[in-house]
Amino acid sequence: MSRGPYRLVVFDFDGTLADSFPWFARVINDVADRYRFRRIAPHETEVLRGLDAAGIVRHLGIAPWKLPFISRHMHALAARDIAEISLFRGIRTMLADLAAAGMPLAIVSSNTRANIEAVLGPDARRFRRYACGASLFGKAKRLRALVRDAGFTPGSTLYVGDEIRDHDAARSVGCDFAAVAWGYTRIEALRATGPVLMLTHPSAIVPAVVGRVSA
């Protein structure tokens, strides 16, 4: 059950707001060849969707020192192919409804702000703050700084994401975590983390937080 009331809702981007997995699946094996880690066979996808970030890195045999280089390369590829990446259906309506209710919104993501704003288009203005370019295991630091700089407390903040590392970041900071069922990680793996909300459709977040806004 949600603690609430919430004064700030923070979203992850890829897999939460943006349906970037089809693009990711198309480019990842070329990236694997470039940086010499294991290619992903079609049958491995479901296995990887049940792992946390550290488990995925181990499964693919990626040396930790390569992660920043891989991340920068992926950001550049995403910028090149940005027209292939779109928001999930229902996201724009959900953002409009939250904004209309006066809920402050923010984003914490490993992606770049330029890529995020390109996909969001006019909806980018709905977000008061962005904390972008977080390392694979650096979301907690970005989330903590964003909440502090925005003038809110972790206990009044809801972080919405689709990966186990999003849960880990929220727990580290002291925020509530809402898991989405339409992203990268399997719903069973996310449910095992004990999120305060398990969202099956973007519209589900609106009644969960509207009416719980703290004055």
N, C-alpha and C. Protein backbone atom coordinates (compact mmCIF):
# COMPACT_ATOMS: atom_id res chain seq x y z
N MET A 1 0.85 -1.20 0.00
CA MET A 1 0.00 0.00 0.00
C MET A 1 0.88 1.24 0.00
N SER A 2 0.51 2.21 -0.79
CA SER A 2 1.29 3.43 -0.93
C SER A 2 1.31 4.22 0.38
N ARG A 3 2.48 4.78 0.70
CA ARG A 3 2.57 5.62 1.89
C ARG A 3 1.88 6.95 1.63
N GLY A 4 2.37 7.70 0.59
CA GLY A 4 1.78 8.99 0.28
C GLY A 4 1.63 9.85 1.55
N PRO A 5 1.11 11.09 1.42
CA PRO A 5 0.85 11.74 0.13
C PRO A 5 2.16 12.15 -0.54
N TYR A 6 2.11 12.26 -1.86
CA TYR A 6 3.31 12.59 -2.62
C TYR A 6 3.28 14.04 -3.08
N ARG A 7 4.41 14.68 -2.99
CA ARG A 7 4.56 16.06 -3.46
C ARG A 7 5.42 16.13 -4.72
N LEU A 8 6.06 15.02 -5.08
CA LEU A 8 6.93 14.97 -6.27
C LEU A 8 6.89 13.57 -6.84
N VAL A 9 6.70 13.46 -8.15
CA VAL A 9 6.78 12.18 -8.84
C VAL A 9 7.96 12.23 -9.81
N VAL A 10 8.88 11.30 -9.65
CA VAL A 10 10.09 11.23 -10.47
C VAL A 10 9.99 9.98 -11.34
N PHE A 11 10.26 10.15 -12.62
CA PHE A 11 10.19 9.03 -13.57
C PHE A 11 11.57 8.65 -14.07
N ASP A 12 11.79 7.35 -14.22
CA ASP A 12 12.82 6.84 -15.11
C ASP A 12 12.35 7.12 -16.53
N PHE A 13 13.22 6.98 -17.52
CA PHE A 13 12.81 7.28 -18.89
C PHE A 13 12.68 6.04 -19.76
N ASP A 14 13.80 5.40 -20.09
CA ASP A 14 13.77 4.24 -21.00
C ASP A 14 13.07 3.07 -20.33
N GLY A 15 12.04 2.56 -20.98
CA GLY A 15 11.29 1.44 -20.45
C GLY A 15 10.17 1.85 -19.52
N THR A 16 10.15 3.12 -19.12
CA THR A 16 9.09 3.63 -18.25
C THR A 16 8.21 4.61 -19.00
N LEU A 17 8.82 5.64 -19.55
CA LEU A 17 8.10 6.58 -20.41
C LEU A 17 8.28 6.23 -21.89
N ALA A 18 9.49 5.84 -22.26
CA ALA A 18 9.82 5.60 -23.67
C ALA A 18 9.94 4.11 -23.98
N ASP A 19 9.35 3.72 -25.08
CA ASP A 19 9.41 2.33 -25.55
C ASP A 19 10.66 2.16 -26.41
N SER A 20 11.80 2.09 -25.75
CA SER A 20 13.08 2.03 -26.47
C SER A 20 13.61 0.62 -26.64
N PHE A 21 12.91 -0.39 -26.10
CA PHE A 21 13.45 -1.74 -26.18
C PHE A 21 13.57 -2.26 -27.62
N PRO A 22 12.60 -2.04 -28.52
CA PRO A 22 12.78 -2.51 -29.90
C PRO A 22 14.04 -1.95 -30.54
N TRP A 23 14.31 -0.67 -30.30
CA TRP A 23 15.55 -0.08 -30.83
C TRP A 23 16.76 -0.72 -30.17
N PHE A 24 16.73 -0.88 -28.85
CA PHE A 24 17.84 -1.50 -28.12
C PHE A 24 18.14 -2.89 -28.67
N ALA A 25 17.09 -3.68 -28.89
CA ALA A 25 17.28 -5.05 -29.39
C ALA A 25 17.91 -5.05 -30.78
N ARG A 26 17.61 -4.02 -31.57
CA ARG A 26 18.16 -3.95 -32.93
C ARG A 26 19.64 -3.63 -32.94
N VAL A 27 20.11 -2.80 -32.00
CA VAL A 27 21.49 -2.32 -32.07
C VAL A 27 22.45 -3.06 -31.13
N ILE A 28 21.94 -3.77 -30.14
CA ILE A 28 22.81 -4.24 -29.06
C ILE A 28 23.88 -5.22 -29.53
N ASN A 29 23.59 -6.06 -30.51
CA ASN A 29 24.61 -7.03 -30.92
C ASN A 29 25.74 -6.37 -31.71
N ASP A 30 25.45 -5.28 -32.41
CA ASP A 30 26.53 -4.52 -33.05
C ASP A 30 27.42 -3.88 -31.98
N VAL A 31 26.79 -3.40 -30.92
CA VAL A 31 27.55 -2.84 -29.80
C VAL A 31 28.39 -3.93 -29.13
N ALA A 32 27.81 -5.12 -29.01
CA ALA A 32 28.55 -6.25 -28.42
C ALA A 32 29.79 -6.57 -29.23
N ASP A 33 29.67 -6.56 -30.55
CA ASP A 33 30.82 -6.83 -31.40
C ASP A 33 31.89 -5.75 -31.24
N ARG A 34 31.45 -4.50 -31.14
CA ARG A 34 32.39 -3.39 -31.04
C ARG A 34 33.16 -3.43 -29.73
N TYR A 35 32.47 -3.76 -28.63
CA TYR A 35 33.10 -3.72 -27.31
C TYR A 35 33.43 -5.10 -26.75
N ARG A 36 33.28 -6.12 -27.59
CA ARG A 36 33.73 -7.47 -27.28
C ARG A 36 33.09 -8.04 -26.00
N PHE A 37 31.74 -8.01 -25.99
CA PHE A 37 31.03 -8.78 -24.97
C PHE A 37 30.04 -9.70 -25.68
N ARG A 38 29.40 -10.56 -24.95
CA ARG A 38 28.55 -11.59 -25.54
C ARG A 38 27.37 -10.99 -26.30
N ARG A 39 27.12 -11.55 -27.48
CA ARG A 39 25.90 -11.21 -28.20
C ARG A 39 24.70 -11.79 -27.45
N ILE A 40 23.53 -11.19 -27.68
CA ILE A 40 22.30 -11.67 -27.05
C ILE A 40 21.50 -12.45 -28.08
N ALA A 41 21.33 -13.73 -27.84
CA ALA A 41 20.49 -14.56 -28.70
C ALA A 41 19.02 -14.30 -28.38
N PRO A 42 18.13 -14.47 -29.37
CA PRO A 42 16.70 -14.18 -29.13
C PRO A 42 16.14 -14.88 -27.90
N HIS A 43 16.57 -16.12 -27.66
CA HIS A 43 16.00 -16.87 -26.53
C HIS A 43 16.51 -16.37 -25.18
N GLU A 44 17.54 -15.53 -25.17
CA GLU A 44 18.09 -15.03 -23.91
C GLU A 44 17.35 -13.81 -23.37
N THR A 45 16.53 -13.20 -24.20
CA THR A 45 15.90 -11.95 -23.81
C THR A 45 15.09 -12.08 -22.53
N GLU A 46 14.28 -13.13 -22.45
CA GLU A 46 13.44 -13.30 -21.26
C GLU A 46 14.28 -13.57 -20.01
N VAL A 47 15.39 -14.27 -20.18
CA VAL A 47 16.28 -14.50 -19.04
C VAL A 47 16.82 -13.17 -18.52
N LEU A 48 17.29 -12.32 -19.43
CA LEU A 48 17.86 -11.04 -19.05
C LEU A 48 16.83 -10.14 -18.39
N ARG A 49 15.57 -10.24 -18.81
CA ARG A 49 14.52 -9.40 -18.24
C ARG A 49 14.22 -9.74 -16.78
N GLY A 50 14.73 -10.86 -16.31
CA GLY A 50 14.54 -11.23 -14.92
C GLY A 50 15.71 -10.89 -14.02
N LEU A 51 16.77 -10.29 -14.59
CA LEU A 51 17.99 -10.01 -13.83
C LEU A 51 18.08 -8.53 -13.47
N ASP A 52 18.83 -8.25 -12.41
CA ASP A 52 19.16 -6.86 -12.13
C ASP A 52 20.33 -6.43 -13.00
N ALA A 53 20.71 -5.15 -12.90
CA ALA A 53 21.75 -4.62 -13.79
C ALA A 53 23.08 -5.36 -13.62
N ALA A 54 23.45 -5.66 -12.38
CA ALA A 54 24.71 -6.37 -12.15
C ALA A 54 24.66 -7.77 -12.75
N GLY A 55 23.51 -8.42 -12.66
CA GLY A 55 23.35 -9.75 -13.25
C GLY A 55 23.47 -9.74 -14.75
N ILE A 56 22.92 -8.70 -15.38
CA ILE A 56 23.01 -8.57 -16.84
C ILE A 56 24.46 -8.37 -17.26
N VAL A 57 25.17 -7.50 -16.54
CA VAL A 57 26.58 -7.25 -16.85
C VAL A 57 27.39 -8.54 -16.74
N ARG A 58 27.15 -9.31 -15.69
CA ARG A 58 27.87 -10.59 -15.53
C ARG A 58 27.50 -11.57 -16.64
N HIS A 59 26.22 -11.66 -16.96
CA HIS A 59 25.76 -12.61 -17.97
C HIS A 59 26.40 -12.32 -19.33
N LEU A 60 26.55 -11.05 -19.65
CA LEU A 60 27.10 -10.67 -20.95
C LEU A 60 28.63 -10.61 -20.94
N GLY A 61 29.24 -10.77 -19.78
CA GLY A 61 30.69 -10.75 -19.71
C GLY A 61 31.29 -9.39 -19.99
N ILE A 62 30.64 -8.34 -19.52
CA ILE A 62 31.12 -6.98 -19.76
C ILE A 62 32.08 -6.58 -18.63
N ALA A 63 33.29 -6.21 -19.00
CA ALA A 63 34.24 -5.72 -18.01
C ALA A 63 33.75 -4.37 -17.47
N PRO A 64 33.73 -4.17 -16.16
CA PRO A 64 33.19 -2.92 -15.60
C PRO A 64 33.82 -1.66 -16.18
N TRP A 65 35.11 -1.71 -16.52
CA TRP A 65 35.75 -0.50 -17.03
C TRP A 65 35.21 -0.08 -18.39
N LYS A 66 34.56 -1.00 -19.08
CA LYS A 66 34.00 -0.68 -20.39
C LYS A 66 32.65 0.04 -20.31
N LEU A 67 31.99 -0.02 -19.16
CA LEU A 67 30.62 0.48 -19.05
C LEU A 67 30.46 1.94 -19.46
N PRO A 68 31.34 2.87 -19.03
CA PRO A 68 31.16 4.26 -19.46
C PRO A 68 31.29 4.44 -20.97
N PHE A 69 32.18 3.69 -21.59
CA PHE A 69 32.36 3.79 -23.04
C PHE A 69 31.14 3.23 -23.78
N ILE A 70 30.62 2.12 -23.30
CA ILE A 70 29.42 1.54 -23.90
C ILE A 70 28.25 2.49 -23.75
N SER A 71 28.12 3.09 -22.58
CA SER A 71 27.02 4.02 -22.32
C SER A 71 27.08 5.21 -23.26
N ARG A 72 28.25 5.82 -23.42
CA ARG A 72 28.37 6.97 -24.32
C ARG A 72 28.06 6.58 -25.76
N HIS A 73 28.51 5.40 -26.16
CA HIS A 73 28.24 4.94 -27.52
C HIS A 73 26.74 4.72 -27.72
N MET A 74 26.08 4.12 -26.74
CA MET A 74 24.64 3.90 -26.84
C MET A 74 23.88 5.22 -26.92
N HIS A 75 24.32 6.21 -26.17
CA HIS A 75 23.67 7.52 -26.22
C HIS A 75 23.80 8.13 -27.62
N ALA A 76 24.98 7.99 -28.21
CA ALA A 76 25.19 8.52 -29.56
C ALA A 76 24.33 7.79 -30.57
N LEU A 77 24.22 6.48 -30.44
CA LEU A 77 23.36 5.71 -31.35
C LEU A 77 21.90 6.11 -31.18
N ALA A 78 21.47 6.32 -29.94
CA ALA A 78 20.09 6.73 -29.70
C ALA A 78 19.81 8.09 -30.32
N ALA A 79 20.77 9.01 -30.22
CA ALA A 79 20.60 10.32 -30.84
C ALA A 79 20.48 10.19 -32.36
N ARG A 80 21.28 9.31 -32.93
CA ARG A 80 21.22 9.07 -34.38
C ARG A 80 19.87 8.50 -34.80
N ASP A 81 19.33 7.61 -33.97
CA ASP A 81 18.11 6.88 -34.32
C ASP A 81 16.89 7.37 -33.55
N ILE A 82 16.93 8.62 -33.09
CA ILE A 82 15.90 9.07 -32.15
C ILE A 82 14.49 8.96 -32.72
N ALA A 83 14.34 9.03 -34.03
CA ALA A 83 13.00 8.93 -34.63
C ALA A 83 12.40 7.54 -34.44
N GLU A 84 13.23 6.54 -34.11
CA GLU A 84 12.72 5.18 -33.89
C GLU A 84 12.16 4.98 -32.49
N ILE A 85 12.40 5.92 -31.60
CA ILE A 85 12.02 5.77 -30.20
C ILE A 85 10.83 6.68 -29.90
N SER A 86 9.79 6.11 -29.33
CA SER A 86 8.59 6.88 -29.02
C SER A 86 8.12 6.58 -27.61
N LEU A 87 7.22 7.40 -27.11
CA LEU A 87 6.63 7.15 -25.80
C LEU A 87 5.63 6.00 -25.88
N PHE A 88 5.48 5.30 -24.77
CA PHE A 88 4.44 4.28 -24.70
C PHE A 88 3.07 4.93 -24.86
N ARG A 89 2.14 4.18 -25.41
CA ARG A 89 0.78 4.67 -25.54
C ARG A 89 0.21 4.97 -24.15
N GLY A 90 -0.40 6.11 -24.02
CA GLY A 90 -1.00 6.51 -22.76
C GLY A 90 -0.12 7.40 -21.90
N ILE A 91 1.15 7.51 -22.24
CA ILE A 91 2.07 8.32 -21.43
C ILE A 91 1.73 9.80 -21.52
N ARG A 92 1.48 10.31 -22.72
CA ARG A 92 1.20 11.74 -22.87
C ARG A 92 -0.05 12.14 -22.09
N THR A 93 -1.08 11.32 -22.16
CA THR A 93 -2.31 11.61 -21.40
C THR A 93 -2.04 11.58 -19.91
N MET A 94 -1.28 10.59 -19.46
CA MET A 94 -0.95 10.49 -18.04
C MET A 94 -0.18 11.71 -17.56
N LEU A 95 0.81 12.16 -18.34
CA LEU A 95 1.58 13.34 -17.96
C LEU A 95 0.70 14.58 -17.91
N ALA A 96 -0.20 14.71 -18.87
CA ALA A 96 -1.11 15.86 -18.89
C ALA A 96 -2.01 15.85 -17.67
N ASP A 97 -2.51 14.67 -17.30
CA ASP A 97 -3.40 14.57 -16.14
C ASP A 97 -2.67 14.90 -14.84
N LEU A 98 -1.44 14.42 -14.70
CA LEU A 98 -0.67 14.73 -13.50
C LEU A 98 -0.35 16.22 -13.42
N ALA A 99 0.02 16.79 -14.56
CA ALA A 99 0.33 18.22 -14.59
C ALA A 99 -0.91 19.05 -14.27
N ALA A 100 -2.06 18.63 -14.80
CA ALA A 100 -3.31 19.35 -14.54
C ALA A 100 -3.69 19.30 -13.07
N ALA A 101 -3.29 18.23 -12.39
CA ALA A 101 -3.56 18.09 -10.96
C ALA A 101 -2.56 18.85 -10.10
N GLY A 102 -1.57 19.48 -10.75
CA GLY A 102 -0.59 20.26 -10.02
C GLY A 102 0.55 19.46 -9.42
N MET A 103 0.75 18.23 -9.91
CA MET A 103 1.82 17.38 -9.38
C MET A 103 3.15 17.74 -10.02
N PRO A 104 4.15 18.14 -9.27
CA PRO A 104 5.47 18.38 -9.84
C PRO A 104 6.08 17.08 -10.36
N LEU A 105 6.71 17.16 -11.53
CA LEU A 105 7.27 15.98 -12.19
C LEU A 105 8.76 16.20 -12.45
N ALA A 106 9.52 15.09 -12.43
CA ALA A 106 10.95 15.14 -12.70
C ALA A 106 11.38 13.83 -13.34
N ILE A 107 12.59 13.82 -13.88
CA ILE A 107 13.14 12.62 -14.52
C ILE A 107 14.55 12.37 -13.99
N VAL A 108 14.81 11.11 -13.64
CA VAL A 108 16.17 10.63 -13.36
C VAL A 108 16.44 9.50 -14.34
N SER A 109 17.49 9.63 -15.14
CA SER A 109 17.73 8.66 -16.21
C SER A 109 19.21 8.54 -16.51
N SER A 110 19.58 7.38 -17.04
CA SER A 110 20.93 7.19 -17.56
C SER A 110 21.09 7.79 -18.95
N ASN A 111 19.99 8.10 -19.60
CA ASN A 111 20.04 8.68 -20.95
C ASN A 111 20.41 10.16 -20.86
N THR A 112 20.64 10.77 -22.01
CA THR A 112 21.00 12.19 -22.04
C THR A 112 19.74 13.05 -22.09
N ARG A 113 19.86 14.26 -21.60
CA ARG A 113 18.71 15.16 -21.63
C ARG A 113 18.29 15.47 -23.06
N ALA A 114 19.25 15.62 -23.95
CA ALA A 114 18.92 15.91 -25.34
C ALA A 114 18.07 14.80 -25.95
N ASN A 115 18.45 13.55 -25.72
CA ASN A 115 17.67 12.43 -26.24
C ASN A 115 16.28 12.40 -25.62
N ILE A 116 16.22 12.60 -24.32
CA ILE A 116 14.93 12.56 -23.61
C ILE A 116 14.00 13.64 -24.12
N GLU A 117 14.50 14.86 -24.24
CA GLU A 117 13.65 15.96 -24.69
C GLU A 117 13.22 15.77 -26.13
N ALA A 118 14.07 15.16 -26.95
CA ALA A 118 13.69 14.90 -28.35
C ALA A 118 12.52 13.94 -28.43
N VAL A 119 12.49 12.94 -27.58
CA VAL A 119 11.39 11.97 -27.58
C VAL A 119 10.14 12.57 -26.95
N LEU A 120 10.30 13.31 -25.86
CA LEU A 120 9.15 13.91 -25.20
C LEU A 120 8.49 14.99 -26.03
N GLY A 121 9.27 15.70 -26.83
CA GLY A 121 8.71 16.79 -27.61
C GLY A 121 8.10 17.85 -26.70
N PRO A 122 6.89 18.31 -27.00
CA PRO A 122 6.28 19.38 -26.20
C PRO A 122 6.03 18.99 -24.74
N ASP A 123 5.98 17.70 -24.46
CA ASP A 123 5.76 17.28 -23.08
C ASP A 123 6.99 17.45 -22.20
N ALA A 124 8.13 17.78 -22.80
CA ALA A 124 9.34 18.00 -22.00
C ALA A 124 9.14 19.14 -21.00
N ARG A 125 8.31 20.10 -21.35
CA ARG A 125 8.09 21.25 -20.47
C ARG A 125 7.34 20.89 -19.19
N ARG A 126 6.73 19.72 -19.17
CA ARG A 126 5.97 19.31 -17.98
C ARG A 126 6.88 18.93 -16.81
N PHE A 127 8.14 18.71 -17.10
CA PHE A 127 9.08 18.26 -16.07
C PHE A 127 9.87 19.44 -15.53
N ARG A 128 9.82 19.59 -14.22
CA ARG A 128 10.51 20.72 -13.58
C ARG A 128 12.01 20.50 -13.52
N ARG A 129 12.41 19.25 -13.34
CA ARG A 129 13.84 18.96 -13.17
C ARG A 129 14.22 17.68 -13.91
N TYR A 130 15.47 17.69 -14.38
CA TYR A 130 16.06 16.52 -15.03
C TYR A 130 17.39 16.20 -14.34
N ALA A 131 17.62 14.92 -14.09
CA ALA A 131 18.93 14.46 -13.63
C ALA A 131 19.33 13.34 -14.58
N CYS A 132 20.13 13.67 -15.57
CA CYS A 132 20.40 12.76 -16.69
C CYS A 132 21.85 12.31 -16.69
N GLY A 133 22.10 11.24 -17.45
CA GLY A 133 23.45 10.74 -17.60
C GLY A 133 23.96 9.96 -16.42
N ALA A 134 23.04 9.43 -15.59
CA ALA A 134 23.47 8.62 -14.45
C ALA A 134 24.19 7.37 -14.95
N SER A 135 25.23 6.96 -14.24
CA SER A 135 25.90 5.72 -14.60
C SER A 135 24.98 4.54 -14.31
N LEU A 136 25.38 3.36 -14.76
CA LEU A 136 24.53 2.18 -14.60
C LEU A 136 24.15 1.96 -13.14
N PHE A 137 25.07 2.25 -12.24
CA PHE A 137 24.81 2.04 -10.82
C PHE A 137 24.79 3.36 -10.05
N GLY A 138 24.55 4.47 -10.75
CA GLY A 138 24.64 5.78 -10.11
C GLY A 138 23.33 6.53 -9.97
N LYS A 139 22.20 5.83 -10.09
CA LYS A 139 20.92 6.54 -10.04
C LYS A 139 20.60 7.08 -8.65
N ALA A 140 21.01 6.37 -7.61
CA ALA A 140 20.69 6.83 -6.26
C ALA A 140 21.29 8.21 -6.00
N LYS A 141 22.52 8.42 -6.42
CA LYS A 141 23.17 9.71 -6.22
C LYS A 141 22.42 10.82 -6.94
N ARG A 142 22.00 10.56 -8.19
CA ARG A 142 21.27 11.57 -8.95
C ARG A 142 19.89 11.82 -8.34
N LEU A 143 19.21 10.75 -7.93
CA LEU A 143 17.88 10.89 -7.34
C LEU A 143 17.95 11.68 -6.03
N ARG A 144 18.91 11.37 -5.20
CA ARG A 144 19.06 12.06 -3.91
C ARG A 144 19.28 13.56 -4.12
N ALA A 145 20.16 13.90 -5.06
CA ALA A 145 20.46 15.31 -5.33
C ALA A 145 19.25 16.02 -5.91
N LEU A 146 18.53 15.35 -6.80
CA LEU A 146 17.35 15.98 -7.41
C LEU A 146 16.30 16.29 -6.36
N VAL A 147 15.99 15.33 -5.51
CA VAL A 147 14.97 15.54 -4.47
C VAL A 147 15.38 16.68 -3.55
N ARG A 148 16.65 16.69 -3.14
CA ARG A 148 17.14 17.75 -2.26
C ARG A 148 17.06 19.11 -2.94
N ASP A 149 17.55 19.20 -4.17
CA ASP A 149 17.59 20.48 -4.87
C ASP A 149 16.19 20.99 -5.21
N ALA A 150 15.24 20.07 -5.36
CA ALA A 150 13.86 20.47 -5.65
C ALA A 150 13.13 20.94 -4.40
N GLY A 151 13.72 20.73 -3.24
CA GLY A 151 13.13 21.20 -2.00
C GLY A 151 12.12 20.26 -1.39
N PHE A 152 12.16 18.98 -1.78
CA PHE A 152 11.23 18.00 -1.23
C PHE A 152 11.99 17.01 -0.34
N THR A 153 11.24 16.14 0.31
CA THR A 153 11.84 15.10 1.14
C THR A 153 11.69 13.76 0.44
N PRO A 154 12.58 12.82 0.69
CA PRO A 154 12.42 11.49 0.09
C PRO A 154 11.08 10.85 0.43
N GLY A 155 10.59 11.05 1.65
CA GLY A 155 9.34 10.43 2.06
C GLY A 155 8.12 10.95 1.33
N SER A 156 8.24 12.13 0.70
CA SER A 156 7.12 12.68 -0.06
C SER A 156 7.32 12.51 -1.57
N THR A 157 8.30 11.68 -1.94
CA THR A 157 8.65 11.49 -3.35
C THR A 157 8.35 10.06 -3.79
N LEU A 158 7.75 9.93 -4.96
CA LEU A 158 7.50 8.63 -5.58
C LEU A 158 8.39 8.51 -6.81
N TYR A 159 9.18 7.44 -6.88
CA TYR A 159 10.02 7.19 -8.05
C TYR A 159 9.41 6.05 -8.85
N VAL A 160 9.17 6.30 -10.12
CA VAL A 160 8.49 5.34 -11.00
C VAL A 160 9.51 4.79 -11.99
N GLY A 161 9.67 3.46 -12.03
CA GLY A 161 10.65 2.87 -12.92
C GLY A 161 10.31 1.45 -13.32
N ASP A 162 11.14 0.91 -14.19
CA ASP A 162 10.87 -0.42 -14.76
C ASP A 162 11.99 -1.42 -14.51
N GLU A 163 13.00 -1.02 -13.73
CA GLU A 163 14.13 -1.90 -13.50
C GLU A 163 14.38 -2.09 -12.00
N ILE A 164 15.05 -3.18 -11.68
CA ILE A 164 15.39 -3.44 -10.28
C ILE A 164 16.32 -2.37 -9.75
N ARG A 165 17.20 -1.83 -10.60
CA ARG A 165 18.10 -0.77 -10.13
C ARG A 165 17.33 0.51 -9.79
N ASP A 166 16.14 0.71 -10.40
CA ASP A 166 15.31 1.85 -10.01
C ASP A 166 14.78 1.64 -8.59
N HIS A 167 14.34 0.43 -8.30
CA HIS A 167 13.92 0.12 -6.93
C HIS A 167 15.07 0.33 -5.95
N ASP A 168 16.26 -0.15 -6.32
CA ASP A 168 17.41 -0.04 -5.42
C ASP A 168 17.75 1.42 -5.15
N ALA A 169 17.66 2.26 -6.18
CA ALA A 169 17.93 3.69 -6.01
C ALA A 169 16.91 4.33 -5.08
N ALA A 170 15.63 4.02 -5.29
CA ALA A 170 14.58 4.58 -4.44
C ALA A 170 14.77 4.15 -2.99
N ARG A 171 15.06 2.89 -2.78
CA ARG A 171 15.25 2.39 -1.42
C ARG A 171 16.44 3.06 -0.75
N SER A 172 17.53 3.24 -1.51
CA SER A 172 18.73 3.87 -0.95
C SER A 172 18.45 5.30 -0.50
N VAL A 173 17.63 6.01 -1.28
CA VAL A 173 17.34 7.41 -0.98
C VAL A 173 16.24 7.55 0.07
N GLY A 174 15.33 6.57 0.14
CA GLY A 174 14.21 6.65 1.06
C GLY A 174 12.91 7.06 0.41
N CYS A 175 12.86 6.97 -0.93
CA CYS A 175 11.64 7.27 -1.67
C CYS A 175 10.79 6.01 -1.82
N ASP A 176 9.49 6.20 -2.02
CA ASP A 176 8.64 5.09 -2.42
C ASP A 176 8.94 4.74 -3.87
N PHE A 177 8.73 3.47 -4.22
CA PHE A 177 8.99 3.01 -5.59
C PHE A 177 7.72 2.43 -6.18
N ALA A 178 7.38 2.89 -7.38
CA ALA A 178 6.28 2.34 -8.16
C ALA A 178 6.86 1.64 -9.37
N ALA A 179 6.54 0.37 -9.55
CA ALA A 179 7.07 -0.43 -10.66
C ALA A 179 6.06 -0.48 -11.79
N VAL A 180 6.55 -0.35 -13.03
CA VAL A 180 5.67 -0.43 -14.20
C VAL A 180 5.83 -1.80 -14.85
N ALA A 181 4.72 -2.32 -15.33
CA ALA A 181 4.71 -3.68 -15.88
C ALA A 181 5.00 -3.73 -17.36
N TRP A 182 5.18 -2.56 -18.00
CA TRP A 182 5.33 -2.53 -19.46
C TRP A 182 6.78 -2.29 -19.91
N GLY A 183 7.74 -2.34 -19.00
CA GLY A 183 9.11 -1.98 -19.34
C GLY A 183 10.03 -3.16 -19.56
N TYR A 184 11.32 -2.95 -19.28
CA TYR A 184 12.36 -3.94 -19.57
C TYR A 184 12.26 -5.18 -18.67
N THR A 185 12.03 -4.95 -17.38
CA THR A 185 12.12 -6.05 -16.42
C THR A 185 10.78 -6.77 -16.27
N ARG A 186 10.85 -8.09 -16.13
CA ARG A 186 9.63 -8.89 -15.98
C ARG A 186 8.87 -8.48 -14.72
N ILE A 187 7.56 -8.53 -14.81
CA ILE A 187 6.71 -8.09 -13.72
C ILE A 187 6.96 -8.91 -12.46
N GLU A 188 7.25 -10.20 -12.62
CA GLU A 188 7.48 -11.05 -11.44
C GLU A 188 8.73 -10.61 -10.68
N ALA A 189 9.77 -10.24 -11.43
CA ALA A 189 11.01 -9.78 -10.79
C ALA A 189 10.81 -8.45 -10.08
N LEU A 190 10.01 -7.58 -10.68
CA LEU A 190 9.74 -6.29 -10.05
C LEU A 190 8.86 -6.46 -8.81
N ARG A 191 7.87 -7.32 -8.91
CA ARG A 191 6.97 -7.54 -7.77
C ARG A 191 7.75 -8.06 -6.56
N ALA A 192 8.79 -8.84 -6.82
CA ALA A 192 9.59 -9.40 -5.72
C ALA A 192 10.33 -8.32 -4.94
N THR A 193 10.51 -7.14 -5.52
CA THR A 193 11.19 -6.06 -4.80
C THR A 193 10.28 -5.38 -3.78
N GLY A 194 8.97 -5.63 -3.86
CA GLY A 194 8.04 -5.03 -2.91
C GLY A 194 7.73 -3.58 -3.18
N PRO A 195 7.39 -3.20 -4.42
CA PRO A 195 7.05 -1.81 -4.70
C PRO A 195 5.76 -1.40 -3.99
N VAL A 196 5.63 -0.11 -3.68
CA VAL A 196 4.39 0.34 -3.05
C VAL A 196 3.24 0.37 -4.04
N LEU A 197 3.58 0.48 -5.33
CA LEU A 197 2.58 0.43 -6.39
C LEU A 197 3.10 -0.46 -7.51
N MET A 198 2.22 -1.28 -8.07
CA MET A 198 2.53 -2.09 -9.25
C MET A 198 1.59 -1.62 -10.35
N LEU A 199 2.11 -0.90 -11.33
CA LEU A 199 1.30 -0.24 -12.34
C LEU A 199 1.24 -1.07 -13.61
N THR A 200 0.03 -1.38 -14.06
CA THR A 200 -0.15 -2.19 -15.26
C THR A 200 -0.46 -1.36 -16.49
N HIS A 201 -0.75 -0.08 -16.30
CA HIS A 201 -1.04 0.83 -17.42
C HIS A 201 -0.69 2.24 -16.98
N PRO A 202 -0.21 3.10 -17.90
CA PRO A 202 0.14 4.46 -17.49
C PRO A 202 -0.97 5.20 -16.75
N SER A 203 -2.21 4.95 -17.12
CA SER A 203 -3.31 5.67 -16.48
C SER A 203 -3.46 5.31 -15.01
N ALA A 204 -2.89 4.18 -14.58
CA ALA A 204 -3.07 3.73 -13.20
C ALA A 204 -2.37 4.62 -12.19
N ILE A 205 -1.36 5.36 -12.63
CA ILE A 205 -0.63 6.19 -11.68
C ILE A 205 -1.43 7.41 -11.26
N VAL A 206 -2.32 7.89 -12.13
CA VAL A 206 -3.04 9.14 -11.83
C VAL A 206 -3.92 9.00 -10.60
N PRO A 207 -4.84 8.03 -10.54
CA PRO A 207 -5.64 7.90 -9.31
C PRO A 207 -4.82 7.53 -8.09
N ALA A 208 -3.65 6.93 -8.31
CA ALA A 208 -2.81 6.53 -7.17
C ALA A 208 -2.17 7.73 -6.48
N VAL A 209 -1.95 8.82 -7.22
CA VAL A 209 -1.27 9.97 -6.60
C VAL A 209 -2.13 11.22 -6.54
N VAL A 210 -3.06 11.39 -7.46
CA VAL A 210 -3.93 12.56 -7.43
C VAL A 210 -4.89 12.40 -6.25
N GLY A 211 -5.01 13.44 -5.47
CA GLY A 211 -5.81 13.34 -4.26
C GLY A 211 -4.95 13.02 -3.05
N ARG A 212 -3.67 12.66 -3.32
CA ARG A 212 -2.73 12.42 -2.23
C ARG A 212 -1.67 13.52 -2.19
N VAL A 213 -1.92 14.60 -2.93
CA VAL A 213 -0.94 15.68 -3.00
C VAL A 213 -0.91 16.42 -1.67
N SER A 214 0.26 16.55 -1.11
CA SER A 214 0.41 17.26 0.16
C SER A 214 0.46 18.75 -0.08
N ALA A 215 -0.21 19.50 0.73
CA ALA A 215 -0.25 20.95 0.57
C ALA A 215 1.09 21.56 0.98
